[in-house]
Amino acid sequence: MQRPEFLRRTGAAAAIFVFLALVLGGCNYTFQAGAGLPPHIQTLAVIPFENETSRFELTQELHNVLLDELPQKFGVRTGSEEYADAIVRGSIRNYSVDAPSYRASADRQSAEVLERQVTITVRIEIVDRENNMILWDNSSLSARGEYVEASEVEEDGRRVAINRLVQDVVDGIQSNW
């Protein structure tokens, strides 16, 4: 038994309509888990960290990287502490330079350092000002940056450590949701 032409056309039109509704409706769907900051956070203030070390340049270096990277990674604007939706604050707790890789010198009387390692430890928290709650925190976030003694300087290792710290912050925020 064949269906009349009208029913075939209506069925095809209905199928096209349902298909378009699903496709276009899917364009508005976003999955928030793991997406970073809550949707109401549009501005972020990065406060210079307190520095508990004797390396005073760390405050500015860390602040600059946080200020450049966090807004970019989460699609928010920077703002002043007074008006921002969220605040990033913390302290630099420890800074050390170690020599994990060395070998005996030719005269066997001393050691030749091959590689040095900068370690930076911070306490950090990101606070949602609207809901007055801590979105993410870590009281002992630590990162290392290695540099080759023969061809690089401590600042190279420090830069690597700071970039790793900031990436760990980004990863922590994203995994928190």
Protein backbone atom coordinates (compact mmCIF):
# COMPACT_ATOMS: atom_id res chain seq x y z
CA MET A 1 0.00 0.00 0.00
CA GLN A 2 1.48 3.33 -1.06
CA ARG A 3 1.14 6.51 0.91
CA PRO A 4 -0.33 9.52 -0.82
CA GLU A 5 2.12 12.12 -2.20
CA PHE A 6 1.06 14.67 0.45
CA LEU A 7 2.10 12.37 3.32
CA ARG A 8 5.47 11.61 1.75
CA ARG A 9 6.26 15.32 1.37
CA THR A 10 5.04 16.11 4.88
CA GLY A 11 7.17 13.31 6.33
CA ALA A 12 10.29 14.51 4.47
CA ALA A 13 9.68 18.10 5.58
CA ALA A 14 9.21 16.96 9.18
CA ALA A 15 12.44 14.96 9.06
CA ILE A 16 14.33 17.98 7.70
CA PHE A 17 12.79 20.21 10.37
CA VAL A 18 13.80 17.80 13.17
CA PHE A 19 17.32 17.50 11.75
CA LEU A 20 17.75 21.29 11.54
CA ALA A 21 16.36 21.77 15.05
CA LEU A 22 18.88 19.28 16.45
CA VAL A 23 21.81 20.75 14.56
CA LEU A 24 21.00 24.38 15.30
CA GLY A 25 20.01 23.64 18.87
CA GLY A 26 23.35 21.93 19.41
CA CYS A 27 25.18 25.13 18.50
CA ASN A 28 24.05 26.75 21.75
CA TYR A 29 25.13 23.86 23.93
CA THR A 30 28.28 24.21 25.98
CA PHE A 31 29.70 21.78 28.48
CA GLN A 32 30.96 23.64 31.54
CA ALA A 33 32.78 20.84 33.34
CA GLY A 34 36.49 21.39 33.05
CA ALA A 35 35.95 24.67 31.25
CA GLY A 36 37.72 26.79 33.82
CA LEU A 37 36.07 29.65 35.64
CA PRO A 38 32.29 29.85 36.23
CA PRO A 39 30.40 31.72 33.50
CA HIS A 40 29.60 34.77 35.66
CA ILE A 41 33.31 35.58 36.01
CA GLN A 42 34.18 38.06 33.29
CA THR A 43 37.01 40.00 34.95
CA LEU A 44 40.01 38.81 36.91
CA ALA A 45 42.35 40.78 39.17
CA VAL A 46 45.84 39.40 39.71
CA ILE A 47 47.30 40.83 42.90
CA PRO A 48 51.12 40.87 43.21
CA PHE A 49 52.09 37.99 45.49
CA GLU A 50 53.65 38.52 48.88
CA ASN A 51 57.25 37.40 48.74
CA GLU A 52 58.70 35.41 51.63
CA THR A 53 62.04 34.91 49.87
CA SER A 54 65.07 37.10 49.40
CA ARG A 55 64.54 37.10 45.61
CA PHE A 56 62.56 40.31 45.17
CA GLU A 57 62.39 40.10 41.37
CA LEU A 58 60.16 37.02 41.68
CA THR A 59 57.10 39.06 42.62
CA GLN A 60 57.10 41.06 39.39
CA GLU A 61 58.14 38.15 37.16
CA LEU A 62 55.38 35.87 38.46
CA HIS A 63 52.82 38.67 38.42
CA ASN A 64 53.57 39.49 34.77
CA VAL A 65 53.15 35.89 33.60
CA LEU A 66 49.94 35.37 35.61
CA LEU A 67 48.57 38.66 34.27
CA ASP A 68 49.38 37.69 30.67
CA GLU A 69 48.34 34.04 30.75
CA LEU A 70 45.27 33.63 32.99
CA PRO A 71 42.94 36.08 31.22
CA GLN A 72 43.99 34.68 27.86
CA LYS A 73 43.49 31.04 28.88
CA PHE A 74 40.05 31.64 30.40
CA GLY A 75 38.68 34.29 28.05
CA VAL A 76 38.25 36.98 30.71
CA ARG A 77 39.45 40.56 31.02
CA THR A 78 41.79 41.90 33.65
CA GLY A 79 40.35 44.30 36.16
CA SER A 80 41.14 46.12 39.35
CA GLU A 81 40.80 44.33 42.66
CA GLU A 82 37.89 46.58 43.58
CA TYR A 83 35.72 45.69 40.56
CA ALA A 84 36.91 42.26 39.37
CA ASP A 85 34.62 39.23 39.55
CA ALA A 86 37.49 37.05 40.80
CA ILE A 87 40.82 37.70 42.47
CA VAL A 88 44.07 35.74 42.20
CA ARG A 89 46.30 36.22 45.24
CA GLY A 90 48.99 34.38 47.13
CA SER A 91 52.54 34.35 48.34
CA ILE A 92 55.89 33.10 47.12
CA ARG A 93 56.95 30.76 49.89
CA ASN A 94 60.25 29.31 48.75
CA TYR A 95 62.93 29.71 46.10
CA SER A 96 65.92 27.44 45.75
CA VAL A 97 68.63 26.58 43.26
CA ASP A 98 70.09 23.08 43.39
CA ALA A 99 72.64 21.14 41.39
CA PRO A 100 71.06 17.73 40.76
CA SER A 101 73.41 16.84 37.92
CA TYR A 102 77.20 16.98 38.29
CA ARG A 103 80.31 14.94 37.66
CA ALA A 104 83.78 14.76 39.13
CA SER A 105 86.26 17.18 37.63
CA ALA A 106 89.37 16.04 35.80
CA ASP A 107 91.51 16.42 38.92
CA ARG A 108 88.93 14.53 41.02
CA GLN A 109 89.22 17.23 43.68
CA SER A 110 85.95 19.01 42.89
CA ALA A 111 82.68 18.55 41.07
CA GLU A 112 81.62 20.05 37.77
CA VAL A 113 77.95 21.07 37.73
CA LEU A 114 76.19 20.02 34.55
CA GLU A 115 72.68 21.18 35.29
CA ARG A 116 71.01 23.35 37.89
CA GLN A 117 67.42 23.37 38.97
CA VAL A 118 65.33 26.31 40.19
CA THR A 119 62.39 25.40 42.45
CA ILE A 120 59.65 27.88 43.30
CA THR A 121 56.87 27.15 45.79
CA VAL A 122 53.80 29.36 46.14
CA ARG A 123 50.53 29.54 48.03
CA ILE A 124 47.73 30.63 45.70
CA GLU A 125 43.99 31.07 45.81
CA ILE A 126 41.42 32.26 43.34
CA VAL A 127 38.40 33.87 44.99
CA ASP A 128 34.96 34.39 43.46
CA ARG A 129 33.97 37.82 44.81
CA GLU A 130 30.28 37.52 43.88
CA ASN A 131 29.74 34.30 45.84
CA ASN A 132 32.49 35.00 48.38
CA MET A 133 34.03 31.58 47.90
CA ILE A 134 37.39 30.14 47.01
CA LEU A 135 37.24 28.67 43.51
CA TRP A 136 40.66 27.02 43.71
CA ASP A 137 43.59 27.06 46.06
CA ASN A 138 46.86 25.32 46.67
CA SER A 139 48.98 26.01 49.73
CA SER A 140 52.17 24.44 48.37
CA LEU A 141 52.19 24.57 44.58
CA SER A 142 55.72 23.92 43.42
CA ALA A 143 57.45 23.86 40.03
CA ARG A 144 60.99 23.32 38.81
CA GLY A 145 62.93 24.82 35.97
CA GLU A 146 66.16 23.27 34.80
CA TYR A 147 69.01 25.01 33.04
CA VAL A 148 72.32 23.81 31.66
CA GLU A 149 75.18 25.33 33.64
CA ALA A 150 77.50 25.67 30.64
CA SER A 151 75.14 27.57 28.33
CA GLU A 152 72.28 29.05 30.35
CA VAL A 153 71.77 31.23 33.41
CA GLU A 154 69.60 31.06 36.50
CA GLU A 155 67.03 33.41 34.95
CA ASP A 156 66.39 30.79 32.24
CA GLY A 157 65.57 28.17 34.85
CA ARG A 158 63.45 30.65 36.79
CA ARG A 159 61.46 31.50 33.66
CA VAL A 160 60.79 27.80 33.04
CA ALA A 161 59.70 27.29 36.67
CA ILE A 162 57.34 30.29 36.57
CA ASN A 163 55.77 29.14 33.29
CA ARG A 164 55.24 25.67 34.77
CA LEU A 165 53.68 27.18 37.89
CA VAL A 166 51.22 29.17 35.81
CA GLN A 167 50.36 26.11 33.70
CA ASP A 168 49.75 24.16 36.92
CA VAL A 169 47.36 26.92 38.04
CA VAL A 170 45.49 26.71 34.72
CA ASP A 171 45.33 22.92 34.95
CA GLY A 172 44.16 23.11 38.56
CA ILE A 173 41.35 25.51 37.77
CA GLN A 174 40.21 23.43 34.83
CA SER A 175 40.20 20.18 36.80
CA ASN A 176 38.33 21.74 39.70
CA TRP A 177 35.03 21.82 37.83
